[in-house]
C-alpha cells in the first residue's frame, strides 16, 4: 500500500521523494556510493526534518526539544514505458529491458553495469521525479526534493555516466504536456556537465545553466562556454566551465552569473540539480567546494523561486560519492527548504565543514576563473 503524507500536513510546503529500493544497489560501479541515499534519509530523521518514515510511522527527532515543521514523505512510483518514451527512443527503452533480463554486462564503456532489477530501479528514479513535478504543479507542495533524481548524463538513445534515463527532462516534458508550462529553468551545480540534459533540450527555449569542472578532457568532455543552444534554443544554454581546484571563492562569481541568468529568464518553475560531487572530499571531481557554498546555492535558488514563480522548485540529488559528505549537504538543503536551519541551532552548524579543513585557493585556478569572467562579460 502506497504511503501518503501524514494527515497533520495536508498541504505541506516541502516534500521528499524516496523509495526503499534506493537503499540497495545503485547505477555506478562505486559500491560505497550506494549508501548515500540511506545516509541522507537517516540524517533527515535524526534532525526531525521529515514528518514520517516510508512505513507511515511518525518520526521523533533525536534529540530535539523544539517543535519543527517537517517535510512530508512520498514514495516514488515506477515510470511506465510510455512515460520514459516522452524522453527516450523506443530502442533505448527496449535495450534497458534486454540488459535487465541478461543481468550482466555494461551499458556504456565501463561505467554503468547491468543487473537484474536495473530497469525497475531506473524507472523508479524517473518516476520519482515525475511525482515531484506533479506535486508542484498540482499545488500539493512548493518545493520537492527527490534524492535519487538528477540523472543528467542520459541521452535520447543511450546510457552514460551512471545515468540510464534522464528524469530531469522527464519533468520538463510532464510540465509542458500535462500542465502547459513554457518557461522552465534548470540550474545544474553537479561537478560534471549535464550533457544529456543539454543535448535533449538544445533546440528549445528551455533554460539550462550548468556550473561544472571543465578542461576539455574531464568527463563528459562537454560544457564549453561556446555551447549556447541552436535554432529556437539559441542562447538558452549557458555553461560556466570551472577549472580543477576551484574553491568557493572562485565559484561564487560564476554562481552570481548563473542566478542572474535564471532571474532574467523569468521561469514558471525551477529545477535544481543539486549534485554535491564538487565537495572537496569527493574524489570523483577535482573541485574544492564546501558545505557553505552548497548552502548558498540552495538559499539563493530558493529565494529566486519565491520571487519569480511562487516557490516552485524541484530539487534532484545528482552526483555525490562520499555518503557522509552527501548526507551533510542534503541535511543543509532540507533544513533550508523547510526553514528549520535556525531552529536546529548547533545541530545545523554541525552539518558544516570545519573551516580549518577547507583547501586554500589555487593560484592557477584563480587566474583561469578571472579569464573566464572576462570572456563571459564579452559574451553575455
Protein backbone atom coordinates (compact mmCIF):
# COMPACT_ATOMS: atom_id res chain seq x y z
CA UNK A 1 0.00 0.00 0.00
CA UNK A 2 1.42 3.37 -1.01
CA UNK A 3 2.25 5.74 1.79
CA UNK A 4 0.94 9.28 1.65
CA UNK A 5 1.89 12.21 3.89
CA UNK A 6 0.57 12.43 7.41
CA UNK A 7 -2.87 13.96 7.80
CA UNK A 8 -1.21 16.51 10.07
CA UNK A 9 0.25 18.12 6.93
CA UNK A 10 -2.49 18.01 4.25
CA UNK A 11 -0.79 20.68 2.11
CA UNK A 12 2.91 20.61 3.01
CA UNK A 13 5.20 23.31 1.72
CA UNK A 14 8.05 20.82 1.28
CA UNK A 15 8.12 17.15 0.34
CA UNK A 16 10.78 14.48 -0.08
CA UNK A 17 10.51 11.62 -2.58
CA UNK A 18 12.02 8.29 -1.55
CA UNK A 19 11.72 4.55 -2.17
CA UNK A 20 13.09 1.61 -0.21
CA UNK A 21 14.77 0.27 -3.37
CA UNK A 22 17.15 3.24 -3.15
CA UNK A 23 18.68 1.52 -0.12
CA UNK A 24 20.05 -1.23 -2.37
CA UNK A 25 22.18 -1.31 -5.47
CA UNK A 26 22.82 1.88 -7.45
CA UNK A 27 23.85 2.55 -11.02
CA UNK A 28 27.58 3.10 -10.59
CA UNK A 29 30.49 0.72 -10.07
CA UNK A 30 31.33 2.61 -6.86
CA UNK A 31 29.62 0.40 -4.30
CA UNK A 32 30.47 2.76 -1.44
CA UNK A 33 28.33 5.47 -3.02
CA UNK A 34 25.19 3.31 -2.93
CA UNK A 35 24.82 4.10 0.78
CA UNK A 36 24.31 7.83 0.27
CA UNK A 37 20.51 7.57 -0.01
CA UNK A 38 20.07 5.81 3.31
CA UNK A 39 22.69 8.05 4.91
CA UNK A 40 20.77 11.11 3.75
CA UNK A 41 17.40 9.73 4.81
CA UNK A 42 18.77 8.82 8.23
CA UNK A 43 20.15 12.34 8.57
CA UNK A 44 16.69 13.75 7.83
CA UNK A 45 15.21 11.51 10.54
CA UNK A 46 17.92 12.42 13.03
CA UNK A 47 17.28 16.13 12.51
CA UNK A 48 13.49 15.81 12.54
CA UNK A 49 13.24 17.23 9.03
CA UNK A 50 10.75 14.62 7.79
CA UNK A 51 7.26 14.00 9.14
CA UNK A 52 7.22 10.22 8.87
CA UNK A 53 9.14 7.22 7.60
CA UNK A 54 8.07 5.38 4.45
CA UNK A 55 6.13 3.00 6.68
CA UNK A 56 3.96 5.88 7.81
CA UNK A 57 5.39 5.79 11.32
CA UNK A 58 5.88 9.24 12.84
CA UNK A 59 9.47 10.37 13.20
CA UNK A 60 10.72 11.54 16.57
CA UNK A 61 13.84 13.68 16.10
CA UNK A 62 16.75 12.73 18.34
CA UNK A 63 17.32 14.89 20.27
CA UNK A 64 15.14 17.94 19.60
CA UNK A 65 13.26 19.75 22.33
CA UNK A 66 11.97 22.40 19.89
CA UNK A 67 8.99 21.91 17.58
CA UNK A 68 9.88 21.74 13.88
CA UNK A 69 7.82 21.90 10.68
CA UNK A 70 8.98 18.82 8.79
CA UNK A 71 8.71 17.79 5.15
CA UNK A 72 6.20 15.19 4.03
CA UNK A 73 7.44 11.91 2.55
CA UNK A 74 6.10 10.44 -0.69
CA UNK A 75 7.11 7.14 -2.23
CA UNK A 76 8.41 7.22 -5.80
CA UNK A 77 6.39 5.34 -8.37
CA UNK A 78 7.76 3.28 -11.25
CA UNK A 79 7.55 5.13 -14.56
CA UNK A 80 5.89 3.32 -17.44
CA UNK A 81 7.49 2.70 -20.81
CA UNK A 82 5.17 5.35 -22.24
CA UNK A 83 6.42 7.91 -19.71
CA UNK A 84 10.04 7.02 -20.45
CA UNK A 85 9.24 7.45 -24.16
CA UNK A 86 8.50 11.14 -23.63
CA UNK A 87 12.28 11.50 -23.37
CA UNK A 88 13.90 8.38 -24.84
CA UNK A 89 13.78 6.32 -28.02
CA UNK A 90 11.88 3.04 -28.15
CA UNK A 91 15.16 1.26 -28.90
CA UNK A 92 16.76 2.71 -25.79
CA UNK A 93 13.91 1.52 -23.56
CA UNK A 94 13.95 -1.93 -25.14
CA UNK A 95 17.72 -2.11 -24.63
CA UNK A 96 17.34 -1.43 -20.91
CA UNK A 97 14.75 -4.20 -20.66
CA UNK A 98 17.08 -6.58 -22.52
CA UNK A 99 20.08 -5.74 -20.34
CA UNK A 100 17.95 -6.21 -17.23
CA UNK A 101 16.93 -9.67 -18.44
CA UNK A 102 20.54 -10.52 -19.24
CA UNK A 103 21.63 -9.37 -15.80
CA UNK A 104 25.25 -8.63 -16.69
CA UNK A 105 27.45 -6.55 -18.94
CA UNK A 106 27.90 -2.80 -19.27
CA UNK A 107 25.60 -0.21 -20.76
CA UNK A 108 28.37 2.25 -21.64
CA UNK A 109 32.08 1.52 -21.91
CA UNK A 110 32.97 0.57 -18.34
CA UNK A 111 30.84 2.92 -16.25
CA UNK A 112 27.26 1.69 -15.86
CA UNK A 113 26.73 -2.03 -15.16
CA UNK A 114 23.59 -4.02 -15.92
CA UNK A 115 21.96 -6.28 -13.31
CA UNK A 116 18.65 -8.00 -12.70
CA UNK A 117 16.32 -5.29 -11.43
CA UNK A 118 18.14 -2.36 -13.04
CA UNK A 119 15.14 -1.44 -15.21
CA UNK A 120 12.85 -1.07 -12.18
CA UNK A 121 15.47 0.94 -10.35
CA UNK A 122 15.82 3.27 -13.36
CA UNK A 123 12.04 3.56 -13.74
CA UNK A 124 11.73 4.48 -10.05
CA UNK A 125 14.37 7.20 -10.40
CA UNK A 126 12.48 8.61 -13.39
CA UNK A 127 9.06 8.16 -11.78
CA UNK A 128 10.18 9.77 -8.53
CA UNK A 129 11.00 12.98 -10.34
CA UNK A 130 7.70 12.82 -12.22
CA UNK A 131 5.92 12.54 -8.90
CA UNK A 132 7.82 15.55 -7.60
CA UNK A 133 6.79 17.54 -10.68
CA UNK A 134 3.16 16.51 -10.21
CA UNK A 135 3.12 17.57 -6.56
CA UNK A 136 4.43 21.01 -7.51
CA UNK A 137 2.14 21.52 -10.50
CA UNK A 138 -0.93 20.42 -8.54
CA UNK A 139 -0.13 22.68 -5.58
CA UNK A 140 0.44 19.89 -3.07
CA UNK A 141 3.95 21.15 -2.32
CA UNK A 142 6.03 24.14 -3.36
CA UNK A 143 9.49 22.59 -3.06
CA UNK A 144 10.16 18.88 -3.54
CA UNK A 145 13.46 17.03 -3.15
CA UNK A 146 13.87 13.71 -4.97
CA UNK A 147 17.06 12.20 -3.63
CA UNK A 148 17.55 9.69 -6.47
CA UNK A 149 16.87 12.04 -9.38
CA UNK A 150 19.18 14.23 -11.39
CA UNK A 151 20.48 11.65 -13.89
CA UNK A 152 21.66 14.30 -16.30
CA UNK A 153 24.08 12.27 -18.45
CA UNK A 154 21.39 10.04 -20.01
CA UNK A 155 20.81 10.85 -23.69
CA UNK A 156 17.88 10.24 -26.02
CA UNK A 157 19.21 6.86 -27.14
CA UNK A 158 22.00 5.86 -24.78
CA UNK A 159 23.10 5.39 -21.19
CA UNK A 160 26.05 7.43 -19.96
CA UNK A 161 27.91 8.10 -16.73
CA UNK A 162 25.77 6.11 -14.25
CA UNK A 163 22.62 7.65 -15.80
CA UNK A 164 20.13 5.36 -17.54
CA UNK A 165 17.10 7.61 -18.07
CA UNK A 166 17.01 11.40 -17.91
CA UNK A 167 14.42 12.23 -15.25
CA UNK A 168 15.15 15.97 -15.41
CA UNK A 169 13.91 16.17 -18.97
CA UNK A 170 11.08 13.83 -17.96
CA UNK A 171 9.88 16.51 -15.53
CA UNK A 172 10.19 19.16 -18.24
CA UNK A 173 8.08 17.08 -20.64
CA UNK A 174 5.46 16.42 -17.97
CA UNK A 175 5.16 20.10 -17.11
CA UNK A 176 4.96 21.01 -20.79
CA UNK A 177 2.49 18.36 -21.88
CA UNK A 178 0.21 17.97 -18.86
CA UNK A 179 0.35 21.43 -17.27
CA UNK A 180 1.21 23.83 -20.09
CA UNK A 181 4.47 25.18 -18.65
CA UNK A 182 6.54 27.04 -21.25
CA UNK A 183 9.41 28.62 -19.32
CA UNK A 184 11.34 26.14 -17.19
CA UNK A 185 14.81 26.91 -15.83
CA UNK A 186 17.31 24.15 -14.99
CA UNK A 187 20.24 25.08 -12.75
CA UNK A 188 22.81 22.27 -12.56
CA UNK A 189 25.60 22.54 -9.98
CA UNK A 190 26.87 18.97 -10.30
CA UNK A 191 30.64 18.74 -10.73
CA UNK A 192 30.10 17.11 -14.14
CA UNK A 193 28.42 18.87 -17.05
CA UNK A 194 24.79 17.89 -17.64
CA UNK A 195 25.43 16.82 -21.22
CA UNK A 196 22.34 14.66 -21.67
CA UNK A 197 20.00 17.35 -20.38
CA UNK A 198 21.63 19.97 -22.59
CA UNK A 199 21.51 17.73 -25.67
CA UNK A 200 17.85 16.82 -25.21
CA UNK A 201 16.83 20.49 -24.81
CA UNK A 202 19.43 22.14 -27.08
CA UNK A 203 16.93 23.23 -29.73
CA UNK A 204 14.25 24.55 -27.33
CA UNK A 205 13.79 27.79 -25.36
CA UNK A 206 14.18 25.92 -22.06
CA UNK A 207 16.96 27.45 -19.98
CA UNK A 208 19.83 25.13 -18.98
CA UNK A 209 22.56 26.62 -16.80
CA UNK A 210 25.44 24.39 -15.72
CA UNK A 211 28.39 25.10 -13.43
CA UNK A 212 30.93 22.29 -13.66
CA UNK A 213 34.56 21.28 -13.89
CA UNK A 214 35.84 21.53 -17.44
CA UNK A 215 39.16 21.29 -19.26
CA UNK A 216 38.08 19.62 -22.50
CA UNK A 217 39.06 16.17 -21.20
CA UNK A 218 37.18 15.76 -17.91
CA UNK A 219 34.01 13.65 -18.24
CA UNK A 220 31.82 14.11 -20.23
CA UNK A 221 34.10 16.44 -22.23
CA UNK A 222 31.24 18.81 -22.98
CA UNK A 223 30.09 22.04 -21.38
CA UNK A 224 32.32 24.60 -23.06
CA UNK A 225 31.44 28.28 -22.94
CA UNK A 226 30.68 28.20 -26.67
CA UNK A 227 27.83 25.67 -26.34
CA UNK A 228 24.86 28.05 -26.38
CA UNK A 229 21.95 26.15 -27.94
CA UNK A 230 20.73 26.05 -31.52
CA UNK A 231 17.73 27.15 -33.55
CA UNK A 232 14.85 28.16 -31.23
CA UNK A 233 17.14 27.19 -28.35
CA UNK A 234 20.00 29.53 -29.29
CA UNK A 235 21.08 31.46 -26.20
CA UNK A 236 19.14 29.24 -23.79
CA UNK A 237 22.13 27.07 -22.86
CA UNK A 238 24.68 28.67 -20.56
CA UNK A 239 27.78 26.79 -19.46
CA UNK A 240 30.09 28.07 -16.75
CA UNK A 241 33.17 25.83 -17.04
CA UNK A 242 35.39 25.96 -13.97
CA UNK A 243 38.96 24.72 -13.63
CA UNK A 244 40.13 21.92 -11.38
CA UNK A 245 40.82 23.02 -7.79
CA UNK A 246 38.27 25.86 -7.86
CA UNK A 247 37.18 26.72 -4.31
CA UNK A 248 34.10 28.55 -3.02
CA UNK A 249 35.77 31.90 -3.75
CA UNK A 250 36.27 31.12 -7.45
CA UNK A 251 32.82 29.51 -7.75
CA UNK A 252 30.80 32.41 -6.34
CA UNK A 253 31.20 34.87 -9.28
CA UNK A 254 30.04 32.13 -11.68
CA UNK A 255 27.09 31.41 -9.40
CA UNK A 256 26.16 35.11 -9.50
CA UNK A 257 26.02 34.95 -13.29
CA UNK A 258 24.00 31.74 -13.21
CA UNK A 259 21.40 33.14 -10.82
CA UNK A 260 21.15 36.42 -12.74
CA UNK A 261 20.53 34.43 -15.92
CA UNK A 262 17.75 32.44 -14.25
CA UNK A 263 16.17 35.63 -12.95
CA UNK A 264 16.27 37.31 -16.37
CA UNK A 265 14.54 34.26 -17.89
CA UNK A 266 11.53 34.66 -15.54
CA UNK A 267 10.72 30.92 -15.25
CA UNK A 268 7.42 29.38 -14.26
CA UNK A 269 9.34 26.75 -12.25
CA UNK A 270 12.96 25.94 -11.40
CA UNK A 271 14.71 22.58 -11.39
CA UNK A 272 17.88 22.49 -9.28
CA UNK A 273 20.24 19.60 -10.00
CA UNK A 274 21.97 19.60 -6.60
CA UNK A 275 24.86 17.25 -7.31
CA UNK A 276 27.38 17.66 -4.50
CA UNK A 277 30.30 15.75 -6.01
CA UNK A 278 32.18 19.05 -6.17
CA UNK A 279 32.68 18.82 -2.41
CA UNK A 280 36.36 18.90 -1.57
CA UNK A 281 36.31 15.38 -0.06
CA UNK A 282 34.79 13.79 -3.19
CA UNK A 283 37.39 12.08 -5.34
CA UNK A 284 35.24 11.89 -8.48
CA UNK A 285 35.59 15.62 -9.16
CA UNK A 286 38.52 17.99 -8.71
CA UNK A 287 36.53 20.96 -7.42
CA UNK A 288 37.17 22.02 -3.81
CA UNK A 289 33.79 23.27 -2.66
CA UNK A 290 32.37 23.32 0.86
CA UNK A 291 29.02 22.89 2.56
CA UNK A 292 28.92 26.68 2.89
CA UNK A 293 28.87 27.01 -0.90
CA UNK A 294 26.10 24.42 -1.23
CA UNK A 295 24.15 26.27 1.46
CA UNK A 296 24.45 29.44 -0.61
CA UNK A 297 23.24 27.60 -3.72
CA UNK A 298 20.05 26.38 -2.07
CA UNK A 299 19.28 29.58 -0.19
CA UNK A 300 19.69 31.81 -3.20
CA UNK A 301 17.90 29.48 -5.61
CA UNK A 302 15.00 29.19 -3.17
CA UNK A 303 14.87 32.98 -2.84
CA UNK A 304 14.67 33.24 -6.63
CA UNK A 305 11.92 30.62 -6.80
CA UNK A 306 9.92 32.50 -4.18
CA UNK A 307 10.43 35.77 -6.05
CA UNK A 308 9.77 34.53 -9.58
CA UNK A 309 7.46 31.53 -9.59
CA UNK A 310 5.58 31.12 -6.34
CA UNK A 311 8.32 28.98 -4.82
CA UNK A 312 8.01 26.18 -7.43
CA UNK A 313 11.33 24.42 -7.09
CA UNK A 314 12.10 20.79 -7.88
CA UNK A 315 15.42 19.57 -6.47
CA UNK A 316 17.12 16.37 -7.62
CA UNK A 317 20.10 14.73 -5.94
CA UNK A 318 22.52 14.20 -8.82
CA UNK A 319 26.11 13.21 -8.06
CA UNK A 320 27.94 12.74 -4.78
CA UNK A 321 30.07 9.71 -3.97
CA UNK A 322 31.09 10.19 -0.33
CA UNK A 323 27.98 9.25 1.70
CA UNK A 324 28.94 11.20 4.81
CA UNK A 325 29.50 14.42 2.88
CA UNK A 326 26.36 13.87 0.80
CA UNK A 327 24.25 13.37 3.94
CA UNK A 328 25.51 16.63 5.42
CA UNK A 329 24.95 18.58 2.19
CA UNK A 330 21.45 17.13 1.87
CA UNK A 331 20.79 18.00 5.50
CA UNK A 332 21.78 21.59 4.73
CA UNK A 333 19.45 21.53 1.72
CA UNK A 334 16.39 20.21 3.53
CA UNK A 335 16.91 22.35 6.62
CA UNK A 336 16.82 25.41 4.38
CA UNK A 337 13.89 24.26 2.26
CA UNK A 338 11.83 23.62 5.40
CA UNK A 339 13.02 26.85 7.04
CA UNK A 340 14.44 24.99 10.03
CA UNK A 341 18.13 25.89 9.80
CA UNK A 342 17.96 28.45 12.61
CA UNK A 343 15.70 26.31 14.81
CA UNK A 344 18.14 23.41 14.62
CA UNK A 345 20.85 25.56 16.18
CA UNK A 346 24.08 23.68 16.85
CA UNK A 347 22.81 20.58 15.06
CA UNK A 348 22.60 22.60 11.85
CA UNK A 349 26.02 24.11 12.45
CA UNK A 350 27.43 20.59 12.87
CA UNK A 351 26.41 19.77 9.29
CA UNK A 352 29.02 22.19 8.01
CA UNK A 353 32.68 21.58 7.25
CA UNK A 354 35.37 22.64 9.65
CA UNK A 355 36.69 25.92 8.25
CA UNK A 356 40.25 24.93 9.15
CA UNK A 357 39.98 21.90 6.85
CA UNK A 358 38.97 23.78 3.71
CA UNK A 359 41.51 23.83 0.86
CA UNK A 360 43.18 27.17 0.08
CA UNK A 361 42.71 28.85 -3.31
CA UNK A 362 44.86 27.51 -6.12
CA UNK A 363 46.65 30.37 -7.97
CA UNK A 364 46.23 28.71 -11.39
CA UNK A 365 42.51 28.19 -10.81
CA UNK A 366 42.09 31.79 -9.63
CA UNK A 367 43.77 33.09 -12.79
CA UNK A 368 41.71 30.84 -15.05
CA UNK A 369 38.43 31.91 -13.46
CA UNK A 370 39.42 35.55 -13.91
CA UNK A 371 39.87 34.88 -17.64
CA UNK A 372 36.53 33.07 -17.72
CA UNK A 373 34.75 36.04 -16.18
CA UNK A 374 36.24 38.39 -18.79
CA UNK A 375 35.06 36.06 -21.56
CA UNK A 376 31.58 35.89 -20.05
CA UNK A 377 31.38 39.66 -19.81
CA UNK A 378 32.14 39.90 -23.52
CA UNK A 379 29.70 37.13 -24.45
CA UNK A 380 26.63 37.95 -22.36
